[in-house]
Amino acid sequence: MELELTDSNSVDARIVAYKILLREYLNRRPSGILKEISAAINTHRSFISQVANPNYMVPLPAQYVTKLMEVSHFTNEEQETFEAA
């Protein structure tokens, strides 16, 4: 099955949507948050940058979602919105 990039329900469109939301949330946090997240999940800061950049199709592995939200101090509303994306 071929994915339609114009379809808002396509995998690519959903990845871009959550990346835009994640970038917006991370931009609200103090500087150094990417370093804190990368240390918490034992990865490079550049990986977190790629995960939060809609120009890269690098998804956030599911096992890191909870840790990212904890370290970033997402509000309840932010958590619900992010999980729905």
Protein backbone atom coordinates (compact mmCIF):
# COMPACT_ATOMS: atom_id res chain seq x y z
CA MET A 1 0.00 0.00 0.00
CA GLU A 2 1.40 3.38 -1.00
CA LEU A 3 1.04 6.32 1.40
CA GLU A 4 -0.54 9.52 0.18
CA LEU A 5 1.45 12.50 1.43
CA THR A 6 -1.54 14.79 0.97
CA ASP A 7 -3.72 12.64 3.23
CA SER A 8 -3.84 14.17 6.72
CA ASN A 9 -4.15 10.65 8.16
CA SER A 10 -1.03 9.32 6.43
CA VAL A 11 1.84 8.18 8.59
CA ASP A 12 4.07 10.97 7.27
CA ALA A 13 1.45 13.64 7.97
CA ARG A 14 0.95 12.37 11.52
CA ILE A 15 4.70 12.34 12.16
CA VAL A 16 5.01 15.92 10.90
CA ALA A 17 2.03 16.99 13.04
CA TYR A 18 3.45 15.59 16.29
CA LYS A 19 6.90 16.97 15.48
CA ILE A 20 5.48 20.47 15.04
CA LEU A 21 3.64 20.12 18.34
CA LEU A 22 6.74 18.74 20.09
CA ARG A 23 8.92 21.54 18.76
CA GLU A 24 6.38 24.10 19.97
CA TYR A 25 6.31 22.56 23.46
CA LEU A 26 10.10 22.29 23.69
CA ASN A 27 10.51 25.92 22.60
CA ARG A 28 8.47 26.91 25.67
CA ARG A 29 11.02 25.23 27.94
CA PRO A 30 14.26 26.73 29.27
CA SER A 31 17.41 26.40 27.22
CA GLY A 32 19.20 23.14 27.81
CA ILE A 33 16.05 21.00 27.64
CA LEU A 34 17.35 19.00 24.67
CA LYS A 35 20.48 18.15 26.65
CA GLU A 36 18.35 17.06 29.62
CA ILE A 37 16.13 14.88 27.44
CA SER A 38 19.07 13.29 25.66
CA ALA A 39 20.74 12.50 29.00
CA ALA A 40 17.50 11.02 30.37
CA ILE A 41 17.09 8.64 27.45
CA ASN A 42 20.82 8.05 26.94
CA THR A 43 21.11 9.38 23.41
CA HIS A 44 22.73 12.25 21.54
CA ARG A 45 21.28 15.76 21.59
CA SER A 46 21.26 15.72 17.79
CA PHE A 47 18.84 12.77 17.86
CA ILE A 48 16.38 14.81 19.95
CA SER A 49 16.81 17.74 17.56
CA GLN A 50 15.94 15.47 14.63
CA VAL A 51 12.96 14.00 16.48
CA ALA A 52 11.59 17.52 17.07
CA ASN A 53 12.29 18.73 13.51
CA PRO A 54 9.48 18.16 10.98
CA ASN A 55 12.05 18.26 8.15
CA TYR A 56 13.42 14.90 9.34
CA MET A 57 11.29 11.76 9.33
CA VAL A 58 13.02 10.41 12.45
CA PRO A 59 10.19 9.36 14.77
CA LEU A 60 10.32 9.35 18.55
CA PRO A 61 10.50 5.72 19.67
CA ALA A 62 7.45 4.89 21.79
CA GLN A 63 9.51 3.81 24.80
CA TYR A 64 10.81 7.39 25.15
CA VAL A 65 7.50 9.26 25.06
CA THR A 66 6.79 9.07 28.80
CA LYS A 67 10.35 10.00 29.77
CA LEU A 68 10.37 12.94 27.35
CA MET A 69 7.13 14.28 28.84
CA GLU A 70 8.43 13.84 32.40
CA VAL A 71 11.77 15.53 31.77
CA SER A 72 10.13 18.35 29.81
CA HIS A 73 7.50 18.87 32.51
CA PHE A 74 4.58 18.75 30.08
CA THR A 75 1.35 20.02 31.59
CA ASN A 76 -1.61 17.62 31.70
CA GLU A 77 -3.12 19.44 28.73
CA GLU A 78 0.13 19.22 26.77
CA GLN A 79 0.42 15.49 27.56
CA GLU A 80 -3.11 14.79 26.38
CA THR A 81 -2.68 16.82 23.20
CA PHE A 82 0.70 15.26 22.42
CA GLU A 83 -0.53 11.70 23.03
CA ALA A 84 -3.53 12.35 20.75
CA ALA A 85 -1.19 13.52 17.96
